[in-house]
Amino acid sequence: MASNTRRVSIIEVGPRDGLQSEPEILSTEVKLEYIRRAIDAGIRRLEVTSFVHPKRVPQMADAEAVIAGLPKRDDVTYIGLVLNRKGFERARDAGIDEIGMAVVASDTYNQRNQGATTAESIAVWLDISRDARAAGIRANVMVSSAFGCPFEGEVPLARVLEIVDQVMEGQPVELGLADSIGVGVPDEVEAMLHAVRERIGDTPVRCHFHNTRNTGLANARAAVTAGVTSLDASIGGIGGCPFAPAATGNIPTDDLVYMLQRAGIETGVELEKIIETSNWLQEQLGRDVPAMLPKAGIFPQVAERNRAAL
């Protein structure tokens, strides 16, 4: 992987991974407004919903209605999470652009999250990835909890690489690596990415970090240094996982874009509009979001305004 990446694609996962763990259940129209705002800010790939059982994740019970209401854009890709055959069929029938399948690196967490062992989920992925290609649907796969499990503890790199070898048989358009509970640190991120790249050739890699232990942005920067060009984030930093204890939010789109822009890395995202959406989202949720940019503001924008006023 190159270490001089100058452009990074931001995948906005707030409408799915962000909202699925928030106690509020927002209306379909509010979710669609969230998505419209993200697109207006320059986001071009979004994880918009998950096709899971509504009793387990009631926040995602309106998946089909969300898909039906999405803006029709040739330049935007909508991703729906699926965890089993039934979820894939729902996503396919709803007309999703791309499916994302999650395979957890530990059996205990995979069982709690998906009601199956890791091996069983890999078999499901291989099955539905084939059918997705036949239906003309893009299919990506993410190895979740690649840096640690809330129930089993450390996940050896050898275990992650074993899973990577197996899921790559499904020919994903993109391989994801997720720190679902926010335990990884930058050195681990770079080591894993270099090891994975040696096994997967030119398949694009996407990283998904949580900020549970305040290392999410540092890990994102390490991933970019290692050559990753796609990063997940959620506006305002909302989210987590309902099946992992204390799994707090994704890295904030706001703070991530600020960090990358200050480093001279292009994202195509208008930071001001992202912050506006965070403020709007706070109104919908009735409380503050974790992101720092809505609180601190963009630097040096304030100083520039003051100079202009002199």
C-alpha atoms as a PDB file:
ATOM      1  CA  MET A   1       0.000   0.000   0.000  1.00  0.00           C
ATOM      2  CA  ALA A   2       1.163   3.511  -0.784  1.00  0.00           C
ATOM      3  CA  SER A   3       1.733   5.936   2.050  1.00  0.00           C
ATOM      4  CA  ASN A   4       0.975   9.149   0.135  1.00  0.00           C
ATOM      5  CA  THR A   5      -2.787   8.913  -0.350  1.00  0.00           C
ATOM      6  CA  ARG A   6      -4.125  12.319  -1.367  1.00  0.00           C
ATOM      7  CA  ARG A   7      -7.829  11.538  -1.703  1.00  0.00           C
ATOM      8  CA  VAL A   8     -10.082   9.553   0.587  1.00  0.00           C
ATOM      9  CA  SER A   9     -13.690   8.543   0.022  1.00  0.00           C
ATOM     10  CA  ILE A  10     -15.952   8.938   3.052  1.00  0.00           C
ATOM     11  CA  ILE A  11     -18.717   6.329   3.398  1.00  0.00           C
ATOM     12  CA  GLU A  12     -21.454   7.832   5.549  1.00  0.00           C
ATOM     13  CA  VAL A  13     -22.791   5.072   7.818  1.00  0.00           C
ATOM     14  CA  GLY A  14     -24.832   7.198  10.194  1.00  0.00           C
ATOM     15  CA  PRO A  15     -28.236   6.325   8.704  1.00  0.00           C
ATOM     16  CA  ARG A  16     -27.518   2.665   9.491  1.00  0.00           C
ATOM     17  CA  ASP A  17     -24.726   2.069  11.993  1.00  0.00           C
ATOM     18  CA  GLY A  18     -25.303   5.450  13.579  1.00  0.00           C
ATOM     19  CA  LEU A  19     -29.031   5.235  14.163  1.00  0.00           C
ATOM     20  CA  GLN A  20     -29.259   1.532  14.961  1.00  0.00           C
ATOM     21  CA  SER A  21     -27.915   2.001  18.499  1.00  0.00           C
ATOM     22  CA  GLU A  22     -29.584   5.277  19.365  1.00  0.00           C
ATOM     23  CA  PRO A  23     -32.607   4.873  21.670  1.00  0.00           C
ATOM     24  CA  GLU A  24     -34.768   7.099  19.494  1.00  0.00           C
ATOM     25  CA  ILE A  25     -36.558   5.620  16.487  1.00  0.00           C
ATOM     26  CA  LEU A  26     -36.592   8.341  13.876  1.00  0.00           C
ATOM     27  CA  SER A  27     -39.261   8.513  11.207  1.00  0.00           C
ATOM     28  CA  THR A  28     -38.584   7.405   7.656  1.00  0.00           C
ATOM     29  CA  GLU A  29     -38.835  10.986   6.470  1.00  0.00           C
ATOM     30  CA  VAL A  30     -36.245  12.186   8.988  1.00  0.00           C
ATOM     31  CA  LYS A  31     -33.893   9.405   7.879  1.00  0.00           C
ATOM     32  CA  LEU A  32     -34.372  10.423   4.255  1.00  0.00           C
ATOM     33  CA  GLU A  33     -33.665  14.052   5.127  1.00  0.00           C
ATOM     34  CA  TYR A  34     -30.465  12.892   6.868  1.00  0.00           C
ATOM     35  CA  ILE A  35     -29.439  11.084   3.685  1.00  0.00           C
ATOM     36  CA  ARG A  36     -30.329  14.048   1.467  1.00  0.00           C
ATOM     37  CA  ARG A  37     -28.249  16.358   3.642  1.00  0.00           C
ATOM     38  CA  ALA A  38     -25.243  14.018   3.479  1.00  0.00           C
ATOM     39  CA  ILE A  39     -25.488  13.852  -0.318  1.00  0.00           C
ATOM     40  CA  ASP A  40     -25.766  17.640  -0.523  1.00  0.00           C
ATOM     41  CA  ALA A  41     -22.546  17.858   1.503  1.00  0.00           C
ATOM     42  CA  GLY A  42     -20.734  15.762  -1.096  1.00  0.00           C
ATOM     43  CA  ILE A  43     -21.043  12.196   0.249  1.00  0.00           C
ATOM     44  CA  ARG A  44     -21.352   9.725  -2.630  1.00  0.00           C
ATOM     45  CA  ARG A  45     -21.552   6.346  -0.847  1.00  0.00           C
ATOM     46  CA  LEU A  46     -23.899   5.812   2.068  1.00  0.00           C
ATOM     47  CA  GLU A  47     -24.893   2.865   4.214  1.00  0.00           C
ATOM     48  CA  VAL A  48     -28.570   3.710   4.440  1.00  0.00           C
ATOM     49  CA  THR A  49     -30.219   0.821   6.302  1.00  0.00           C
ATOM     50  CA  SER A  50     -29.957  -2.803   7.364  1.00  0.00           C
ATOM     51  CA  PHE A  51     -32.242  -5.665   6.398  1.00  0.00           C
ATOM     52  CA  VAL A  52     -32.430  -7.342   9.800  1.00  0.00           C
ATOM     53  CA  HIS A  53     -35.284  -8.589  11.976  1.00  0.00           C
ATOM     54  CA  PRO A  54     -37.277  -5.560  13.191  1.00  0.00           C
ATOM     55  CA  LYS A  55     -37.682  -7.055  16.667  1.00  0.00           C
ATOM     56  CA  ARG A  56     -33.905  -7.205  17.117  1.00  0.00           C
ATOM     57  CA  VAL A  57     -33.172  -3.783  15.636  1.00  0.00           C
ATOM     58  CA  PRO A  58     -36.429  -1.794  15.601  1.00  0.00           C
ATOM     59  CA  GLN A  59     -34.600   1.340  14.434  1.00  0.00           C
ATOM     60  CA  MET A  60     -34.204  -0.339  11.029  1.00  0.00           C
ATOM     61  CA  ALA A  61     -37.757  -1.688  10.696  1.00  0.00           C
ATOM     62  CA  ASP A  62     -38.546   0.656   7.769  1.00  0.00           C
ATOM     63  CA  ALA A  63     -35.726  -0.542   5.491  1.00  0.00           C
ATOM     64  CA  GLU A  64     -37.910  -0.989   2.409  1.00  0.00           C
ATOM     65  CA  ALA A  65     -39.575   2.394   2.902  1.00  0.00           C
ATOM     66  CA  VAL A  66     -36.193   4.088   3.173  1.00  0.00           C
ATOM     67  CA  ILE A  67     -34.994   2.485  -0.071  1.00  0.00           C
ATOM     68  CA  ALA A  68     -38.204   3.489  -1.843  1.00  0.00           C
ATOM     69  CA  GLY A  69     -37.746   7.122  -0.792  1.00  0.00           C
ATOM     70  CA  LEU A  70     -34.069   7.567  -1.680  1.00  0.00           C
ATOM     71  CA  PRO A  71     -33.094  10.286  -4.155  1.00  0.00           C
ATOM     72  CA  LYS A  72     -32.487   8.774  -7.583  1.00  0.00           C
ATOM     73  CA  ARG A  73     -28.890   9.672  -8.329  1.00  0.00           C
ATOM     74  CA  ASP A  74     -26.536   8.049 -10.826  1.00  0.00           C
ATOM     75  CA  ASP A  75     -23.537   9.417  -8.913  1.00  0.00           C
ATOM     76  CA  VAL A  76     -24.543   8.021  -5.499  1.00  0.00           C
ATOM     77  CA  THR A  77     -24.302   4.431  -4.251  1.00  0.00           C
ATOM     78  CA  TYR A  78     -26.622   3.194  -1.528  1.00  0.00           C
ATOM     79  CA  ILE A  79     -25.506   0.267   0.640  1.00  0.00           C
ATOM     80  CA  GLY A  80     -27.741  -1.979   2.724  1.00  0.00           C
ATOM     81  CA  LEU A  81     -26.387  -4.291   5.426  1.00  0.00           C
ATOM     82  CA  VAL A  82     -27.463  -7.942   5.274  1.00  0.00           C
ATOM     83  CA  LEU A  83     -26.586 -10.726   7.697  1.00  0.00           C
ATOM     84  CA  ASN A  84     -28.357 -13.720   6.198  1.00  0.00           C
ATOM     85  CA  ARG A  85     -30.179 -15.051   3.161  1.00  0.00           C
ATOM     86  CA  LYS A  86     -33.506 -13.491   4.142  1.00  0.00           C
ATOM     87  CA  GLY A  87     -31.891 -10.080   4.510  1.00  0.00           C
ATOM     88  CA  PHE A  88     -30.272 -10.381   1.090  1.00  0.00           C
ATOM     89  CA  GLU A  89     -33.575 -11.282  -0.549  1.00  0.00           C
ATOM     90  CA  ARG A  90     -35.259  -8.282   1.054  1.00  0.00           C
ATOM     91  CA  ALA A  91     -32.445  -5.984  -0.102  1.00  0.00           C
ATOM     92  CA  ARG A  92     -32.508  -7.412  -3.622  1.00  0.00           C
ATOM     93  CA  ASP A  93     -36.278  -7.044  -3.896  1.00  0.00           C
ATOM     94  CA  ALA A  94     -36.102  -3.470  -2.565  1.00  0.00           C
ATOM     95  CA  GLY A  95     -33.700  -2.512  -5.366  1.00  0.00           C
ATOM     96  CA  ILE A  96     -30.555  -1.744  -3.355  1.00  0.00           C
ATOM     97  CA  ASP A  97     -27.399  -0.704  -5.237  1.00  0.00           C
ATOM     98  CA  GLU A  98     -24.961  -2.596  -3.028  1.00  0.00           C
ATOM     99  CA  ILE A  99     -25.122  -5.053  -0.165  1.00  0.00           C
ATOM    100  CA  GLY A 100     -22.663  -5.242   2.675  1.00  0.00           C
ATOM    101  CA  MET A 101     -22.228  -8.468   4.631  1.00  0.00           C
ATOM    102  CA  ALA A 102     -20.581  -8.565   8.049  1.00  0.00           C
ATOM    103  CA  VAL A 103     -18.576 -11.540   9.294  1.00  0.00           C
ATOM    104  CA  VAL A 104     -17.400 -11.201  12.907  1.00  0.00           C
ATOM    105  CA  ALA A 105     -13.888 -12.400  13.685  1.00  0.00           C
ATOM    106  CA  SER A 106     -14.980 -14.169  16.891  1.00  0.00           C
ATOM    107  CA  ASP A 107     -17.607 -16.881  17.187  1.00  0.00           C
ATOM    108  CA  THR A 108     -19.160 -15.541  20.402  1.00  0.00           C
ATOM    109  CA  TYR A 109     -19.783 -12.078  19.009  1.00  0.00           C
ATOM    110  CA  ASN A 110     -20.921 -13.454  15.646  1.00  0.00           C
ATOM    111  CA  GLN A 111     -23.410 -15.687  17.481  1.00  0.00           C
ATOM    112  CA  ARG A 112     -24.794 -12.761  19.479  1.00  0.00           C
ATOM    113  CA  ASN A 113     -24.876 -10.429  16.517  1.00  0.00           C
ATOM    114  CA  GLN A 114     -26.092 -12.827  13.841  1.00  0.00           C
ATOM    115  CA  GLY A 115     -27.274 -15.993  15.529  1.00  0.00           C
ATOM    116  CA  ALA A 116     -24.637 -18.068  13.720  1.00  0.00           C
ATOM    117  CA  THR A 117     -21.016 -19.085  13.997  1.00  0.00           C
ATOM    118  CA  THR A 118     -18.372 -17.233  12.032  1.00  0.00           C
ATOM    119  CA  ALA A 119     -18.002 -20.223   9.687  1.00  0.00           C
ATOM    120  CA  GLU A 120     -21.757 -20.277   9.076  1.00  0.00           C
ATOM    121  CA  SER A 121     -21.763 -16.556   8.246  1.00  0.00           C
ATOM    122  CA  ILE A 122     -18.864 -17.028   5.835  1.00  0.00           C
ATOM    123  CA  ALA A 123     -20.865 -19.746   4.070  1.00  0.00           C
ATOM    124  CA  VAL A 124     -23.851 -17.386   3.850  1.00  0.00           C
ATOM    125  CA  TRP A 125     -21.619 -14.662   2.408  1.00  0.00           C
ATOM    126  CA  LEU A 126     -20.250 -16.951  -0.283  1.00  0.00           C
ATOM    127  CA  ASP A 127     -23.789 -17.936  -1.233  1.00  0.00           C
ATOM    128  CA  ILE A 128     -25.304 -14.472  -1.389  1.00  0.00           C
ATOM    129  CA  SER A 129     -22.280 -12.845  -3.038  1.00  0.00           C
ATOM    130  CA  ARG A 130     -22.713 -15.221  -5.960  1.00  0.00           C
ATOM    131  CA  ASP A 131     -26.419 -14.403  -6.222  1.00  0.00           C
ATOM    132  CA  ALA A 132     -25.749 -10.678  -5.860  1.00  0.00           C
ATOM    133  CA  ARG A 133     -23.392 -10.749  -8.831  1.00  0.00           C
ATOM    134  CA  ALA A 134     -25.997 -12.633 -10.835  1.00  0.00           C
ATOM    135  CA  ALA A 135     -28.560  -9.952  -9.978  1.00  0.00           C
ATOM    136  CA  GLY A 136     -26.194  -7.101 -10.894  1.00  0.00           C
ATOM    137  CA  ILE A 137     -25.824  -5.947  -7.284  1.00  0.00           C
ATOM    138  CA  ARG A 138     -22.460  -4.893  -5.889  1.00  0.00           C
ATOM    139  CA  ALA A 139     -21.442  -6.909  -2.821  1.00  0.00           C
ATOM    140  CA  ASN A 140     -18.855  -6.039  -0.195  1.00  0.00           C
ATOM    141  CA  VAL A 141     -17.878  -7.901   2.962  1.00  0.00           C
ATOM    142  CA  MET A 142     -16.516  -6.603   6.248  1.00  0.00           C
ATOM    143  CA  VAL A 143     -14.556  -8.518   8.870  1.00  0.00           C
ATOM    144  CA  SER A 144     -15.987  -7.054  12.058  1.00  0.00           C
ATOM    145  CA  SER A 145     -14.252  -6.905  15.452  1.00  0.00           C
ATOM    146  CA  ALA A 146     -10.990  -7.555  13.642  1.00  0.00           C
ATOM    147  CA  PHE A 147      -9.019  -5.846  16.418  1.00  0.00           C
ATOM    148  CA  GLY A 148     -10.757  -7.347  19.428  1.00  0.00           C
ATOM    149  CA  CYS A 149     -13.932  -8.981  20.737  1.00  0.00           C
ATOM    150  CA  PRO A 150     -15.975  -7.785  23.735  1.00  0.00           C
ATOM    151  CA  PHE A 151     -16.493 -11.402  24.829  1.00  0.00           C
ATOM    152  CA  GLU A 152     -13.324 -13.280  23.822  1.00  0.00           C
ATOM    153  CA  GLY A 153     -10.754 -10.505  24.088  1.00  0.00           C
ATOM    154  CA  GLU A 154      -7.803 -10.287  21.705  1.00  0.00           C
ATOM    155  CA  VAL A 155      -8.307 -11.495  18.144  1.00  0.00           C
ATOM    156  CA  PRO A 156      -5.041 -12.849  16.693  1.00  0.00           C
ATOM    157  CA  LEU A 157      -3.969 -11.435  13.350  1.00  0.00           C
ATOM    158  CA  ALA A 158      -3.710 -15.013  12.076  1.00  0.00           C
ATOM    159  CA  ARG A 159      -7.432 -15.459  12.761  1.00  0.00           C
ATOM    160  CA  VAL A 160      -8.279 -12.314  10.800  1.00  0.00           C
ATOM    161  CA  LEU A 161      -6.130 -13.392   7.865  1.00  0.00           C
ATOM    162  CA  GLU A 162      -7.753 -16.834   7.862  1.00  0.00           C
ATOM    163  CA  ILE A 163     -11.179 -15.211   7.586  1.00  0.00           C
ATOM    164  CA  VAL A 164      -9.935 -12.807   4.907  1.00  0.00           C
ATOM    165  CA  ASP A 165      -8.743 -15.741   2.804  1.00  0.00           C
ATOM    166  CA  GLN A 166     -12.159 -17.377   3.057  1.00  0.00           C
ATOM    167  CA  VAL A 167     -14.355 -14.345   2.371  1.00  0.00           C
ATOM    168  CA  MET A 168     -12.235 -13.313  -0.611  1.00  0.00           C
ATOM    169  CA  GLU A 169     -13.506 -16.433  -2.372  1.00  0.00           C
ATOM    170  CA  GLY A 170     -16.777 -14.503  -2.687  1.00  0.00           C
ATOM    171  CA  GLN A 171     -15.081 -11.895  -4.932  1.00  0.00           C
ATOM    172  CA  PRO A 172     -16.172  -8.812  -2.974  1.00  0.00           C
ATOM    173  CA  VAL A 173     -15.979  -5.438  -4.688  1.00  0.00           C
ATOM    174  CA  GLU A 174     -14.372  -4.224  -1.464  1.00  0.00           C
ATOM    175  CA  LEU A 175     -13.000  -5.779   1.712  1.00  0.00           C
ATOM    176  CA  GLY A 176     -13.748  -4.030   4.986  1.00  0.00           C
ATOM    177  CA  LEU A 177     -11.907  -4.252   8.285  1.00  0.00           C
ATOM    178  CA  ALA A 178     -13.783  -3.031  11.339  1.00  0.00           C
ATOM    179  CA  ASP A 179     -12.751  -2.150  14.869  1.00  0.00           C
ATOM    180  CA  SER A 180     -16.328  -2.568  16.039  1.00  0.00           C
ATOM    181  CA  ILE A 181     -15.634  -1.910  19.724  1.00  0.00           C
ATOM    182  CA  GLY A 182     -12.844   0.648  19.429  1.00  0.00           C
ATOM    183  CA  VAL A 183      -9.902  -1.254  20.907  1.00  0.00           C
ATOM    184  CA  GLY A 184      -7.316  -0.960  18.130  1.00  0.00           C
ATOM    185  CA  VAL A 185      -4.326   1.375  18.014  1.00  0.00           C
ATOM    186  CA  PRO A 186      -2.466   2.809  15.001  1.00  0.00           C
ATOM    187  CA  ASP A 187       0.439   0.340  14.990  1.00  0.00           C
ATOM    188  CA  GLU A 188      -2.016  -2.567  14.886  1.00  0.00           C
ATOM    189  CA  VAL A 189      -3.952  -0.927  12.079  1.00  0.00           C
ATOM    190  CA  GLU A 190      -0.893  -0.489   9.878  1.00  0.00           C
ATOM    191  CA  ALA A 191       0.378  -4.005  10.584  1.00  0.00           C
ATOM    192  CA  MET A 192      -2.977  -5.581   9.764  1.00  0.00           C
ATOM    193  CA  LEU A 193      -3.431  -3.586   6.587  1.00  0.00           C
ATOM    194  CA  HIS A 194      -0.019  -4.481   5.260  1.00  0.00           C
ATOM    195  CA  ALA A 195      -0.609  -8.170   6.050  1.00  0.00           C
ATOM    196  CA  VAL A 196      -4.045  -8.123   4.414  1.00  0.00           C
ATOM    197  CA  ARG A 197      -2.791  -6.344   1.298  1.00  0.00           C
ATOM    198  CA  GLU A 198      -0.251  -9.096   0.697  1.00  0.00           C
ATOM    199  CA  ARG A 199      -3.132 -11.577   0.469  1.00  0.00           C
ATOM    200  CA  ILE A 200      -5.818  -9.751  -1.508  1.00  0.00           C
ATOM    201  CA  GLY A 201      -4.012  -8.054  -4.373  1.00  0.00           C
ATOM    202  CA  ASP A 202      -5.774  -5.022  -5.820  1.00  0.00           C
ATOM    203  CA  THR A 203      -9.146  -5.447  -4.083  1.00  0.00           C
ATOM    204  CA  PRO A 204     -10.039  -2.107  -2.466  1.00  0.00           C
ATOM    205  CA  VAL A 205      -9.862  -1.986   1.337  1.00  0.00           C
ATOM    206  CA  ARG A 206     -12.238   0.013   3.506  1.00  0.00           C
ATOM    207  CA  CYS A 207     -11.833   0.663   7.223  1.00  0.00           C
ATOM    208  CA  HIS A 208     -14.482   1.160   9.879  1.00  0.00           C
ATOM    209  CA  PHE A 209     -13.405   2.563  13.247  1.00  0.00           C
ATOM    210  CA  HIS A 210     -15.218   3.325  16.480  1.00  0.00           C
ATOM    211  CA  ASN A 211     -14.061   5.922  18.961  1.00  0.00           C
ATOM    212  CA  THR A 212     -14.862   3.959  22.128  1.00  0.00           C
ATOM    213  CA  ARG A 213     -11.387   4.471  23.594  1.00  0.00           C
ATOM    214  CA  ASN A 214     -10.629   7.713  21.775  1.00  0.00           C
ATOM    215  CA  THR A 215      -8.314   6.117  19.208  1.00  0.00           C
ATOM    216  CA  GLY A 216     -10.668   6.129  16.231  1.00  0.00           C
ATOM    217  CA  LEU A 217      -9.292   9.188  14.423  1.00  0.00           C
ATOM    218  CA  ALA A 218      -5.692   8.130  15.052  1.00  0.00           C
ATOM    219  CA  ASN A 219      -6.521   4.731  13.594  1.00  0.00           C
ATOM    220  CA  ALA A 220      -8.146   6.360  10.569  1.00  0.00           C
ATOM    221  CA  ARG A 221      -5.003   8.395   9.943  1.00  0.00           C
ATOM    222  CA  ALA A 222      -2.887   5.252  10.262  1.00  0.00           C
ATOM    223  CA  ALA A 223      -5.117   3.525   7.717  1.00  0.00           C
ATOM    224  CA  VAL A 224      -4.656   6.373   5.257  1.00  0.00           C
ATOM    225  CA  THR A 225      -0.902   6.251   5.789  1.00  0.00           C
ATOM    226  CA  ALA A 226      -1.089   2.538   4.931  1.00  0.00           C
ATOM    227  CA  GLY A 227      -2.875   3.353   1.677  1.00  0.00           C
ATOM    228  CA  VAL A 228      -6.567   2.938   2.507  1.00  0.00           C
ATOM    229  CA  THR A 229      -8.748   5.224   0.393  1.00  0.00           C
ATOM    230  CA  SER A 230     -12.198   4.517   1.894  1.00  0.00           C
ATOM    231  CA  LEU A 231     -13.214   5.232   5.485  1.00  0.00           C
ATOM    232  CA  ASP A 232     -16.549   4.831   7.251  1.00  0.00           C
ATOM    233  CA  ALA A 233     -17.807   7.612   9.506  1.00  0.00           C
ATOM    234  CA  SER A 234     -21.092   8.906  10.888  1.00  0.00           C
ATOM    235  CA  ILE A 235     -22.167  12.520  11.011  1.00  0.00           C
ATOM    236  CA  GLY A 236     -22.001  13.692  14.599  1.00  0.00           C
ATOM    237  CA  GLY A 237     -20.241  10.492  15.650  1.00  0.00           C
ATOM    238  CA  ILE A 238     -23.470   8.737  16.625  1.00  0.00           C
ATOM    239  CA  GLY A 239     -23.888   4.983  16.742  1.00  0.00           C
ATOM    240  CA  GLY A 240     -22.367   1.784  18.023  1.00  0.00           C
ATOM    241  CA  CYS A 241     -23.586  -1.795  18.130  1.00  0.00           C
ATOM    242  CA  PRO A 242     -26.632  -2.946  20.109  1.00  0.00           C
ATOM    243  CA  PHE A 243     -25.034  -6.357  20.705  1.00  0.00           C
ATOM    244  CA  ALA A 244     -21.643  -5.227  22.061  1.00  0.00           C
ATOM    245  CA  PRO A 245     -21.314  -3.753  25.564  1.00  0.00           C
ATOM    246  CA  ALA A 246     -20.187  -0.101  25.613  1.00  0.00           C
ATOM    247  CA  ALA A 247     -19.609   0.040  21.845  1.00  0.00           C
ATOM    248  CA  THR A 248     -19.915   3.781  21.408  1.00  0.00           C
ATOM    249  CA  GLY A 249     -20.146   5.720  18.212  1.00  0.00           C
ATOM    250  CA  ASN A 250     -18.371   5.630  14.895  1.00  0.00           C
ATOM    251  CA  ILE A 251     -15.689   8.209  14.233  1.00  0.00           C
ATOM    252  CA  PRO A 252     -17.453  11.485  13.408  1.00  0.00           C
ATOM    253  CA  THR A 253     -17.607  12.480   9.763  1.00  0.00           C
ATOM    254  CA  ASP A 254     -17.158  16.068  10.943  1.00  0.00           C
ATOM    255  CA  ASP A 255     -13.886  15.488  12.817  1.00  0.00           C
ATOM    256  CA  LEU A 256     -12.538  13.052  10.223  1.00  0.00           C
ATOM    257  CA  VAL A 257     -13.070  15.435   7.304  1.00  0.00           C
ATOM    258  CA  TYR A 258     -11.477  18.270   9.276  1.00  0.00           C
ATOM    259  CA  MET A 259      -8.403  16.160  10.051  1.00  0.00           C
ATOM    260  CA  LEU A 260      -8.009  14.994   6.456  1.00  0.00           C
ATOM    261  CA  GLN A 261      -8.527  18.424   4.952  1.00  0.00           C
ATOM    262  CA  ARG A 262      -5.954  19.984   7.280  1.00  0.00           C
ATOM    263  CA  ALA A 263      -3.533  17.270   6.135  1.00  0.00           C
ATOM    264  CA  GLY A 264      -4.114  18.227   2.497  1.00  0.00           C
ATOM    265  CA  ILE A 265      -6.148  15.094   1.727  1.00  0.00           C
ATOM    266  CA  GLU A 266      -9.199  15.649  -0.457  1.00  0.00           C
ATOM    267  CA  THR A 267     -12.578  14.165   0.431  1.00  0.00           C
ATOM    268  CA  GLY A 268     -14.989  16.040  -1.821  1.00  0.00           C
ATOM    269  CA  VAL A 269     -17.052  16.802   1.291  1.00  0.00           C
ATOM    270  CA  GLU A 270     -18.163  20.277   2.413  1.00  0.00           C
ATOM    271  CA  LEU A 271     -17.343  20.391   6.113  1.00  0.00           C
ATOM    272  CA  GLU A 272     -19.657  23.305   6.838  1.00  0.00           C
ATOM    273  CA  LYS A 273     -22.648  21.329   5.574  1.00  0.00           C
ATOM    274  CA  ILE A 274     -21.651  18.302   7.625  1.00  0.00           C
ATOM    275  CA  ILE A 275     -21.565  20.438  10.769  1.00  0.00           C
ATOM    276  CA  GLU A 276     -24.943  21.931   9.869  1.00  0.00           C
ATOM    277  CA  THR A 277     -26.300  18.389   9.619  1.00  0.00           C
ATOM    278  CA  SER A 278     -24.814  17.488  13.008  1.00  0.00           C
ATOM    279  CA  ASN A 279     -26.624  20.454  14.533  1.00  0.00           C
ATOM    280  CA  TRP A 280     -29.828  19.398  12.798  1.00  0.00           C
ATOM    281  CA  LEU A 281     -29.325  15.829  14.007  1.00  0.00           C
ATOM    282  CA  GLN A 282     -28.969  17.063  17.594  1.00  0.00           C
ATOM    283  CA  GLU A 283     -32.413  18.605  17.251  1.00  0.00           C
ATOM    284  CA  GLN A 284     -33.881  15.331  15.966  1.00  0.00           C
ATOM    285  CA  LEU A 285     -32.311  13.295  18.794  1.00  0.00           C
ATOM    286  CA  GLY A 286     -32.907  15.877  21.495  1.00  0.00           C
ATOM    287  CA  ARG A 287     -29.308  15.861  22.768  1.00  0.00           C
ATOM    288  CA  ASP A 288     -25.735  16.660  21.816  1.00  0.00           C
ATOM    289  CA  VAL A 289     -23.780  14.442  19.431  1.00  0.00           C
ATOM    290  CA  PRO A 290     -20.223  13.300  20.271  1.00  0.00           C
ATOM    291  CA  ALA A 291     -18.459  15.103  17.403  1.00  0.00           C
ATOM    292  CA  MET A 292     -16.148  17.945  18.445  1.00  0.00           C
ATOM    293  CA  LEU A 293     -16.371  20.173  15.350  1.00  0.00           C
ATOM    294  CA  PRO A 294     -19.976  21.271  15.999  1.00  0.00           C
ATOM    295  CA  LYS A 295     -18.773  22.480  19.418  1.00  0.00           C
ATOM    296  CA  ALA A 296     -15.324  23.872  18.603  1.00  0.00           C
ATOM    297  CA  GLY A 297     -15.882  25.157  15.083  1.00  0.00           C
ATOM    298  CA  ILE A 298     -13.617  25.074  12.038  1.00  0.00           C
ATOM    299  CA  PHE A 299     -10.135  26.515  12.388  1.00  0.00           C
ATOM    300  CA  PRO A 300      -8.968  29.023  11.126  1.00  0.00           C
ATOM    301  CA  GLN A 301     -12.353  30.069   9.761  1.00  0.00           C
ATOM    302  CA  VAL A 302     -13.214  32.226  12.789  1.00  0.00           C
ATOM    303  CA  ALA A 303      -9.886  34.054  12.630  1.00  0.00           C
ATOM    304  CA  GLU A 304     -10.381  34.689   8.921  1.00  0.00           C
ATOM    305  CA  ARG A 305     -13.837  36.148   9.558  1.00  0.00           C
ATOM    306  CA  ASN A 306     -12.420  38.422  12.238  1.00  0.00           C
ATOM    307  CA  ARG A 307      -9.716  39.705   9.870  1.00  0.00           C
ATOM    308  CA  ALA A 308     -12.328  40.328   7.194  1.00  0.00           C
ATOM    309  CA  ALA A 309     -14.334  42.419   9.623  1.00  0.00           C
ATOM    310  CA  LEU A 310     -11.398  44.748  10.422  1.00  0.00           C
END
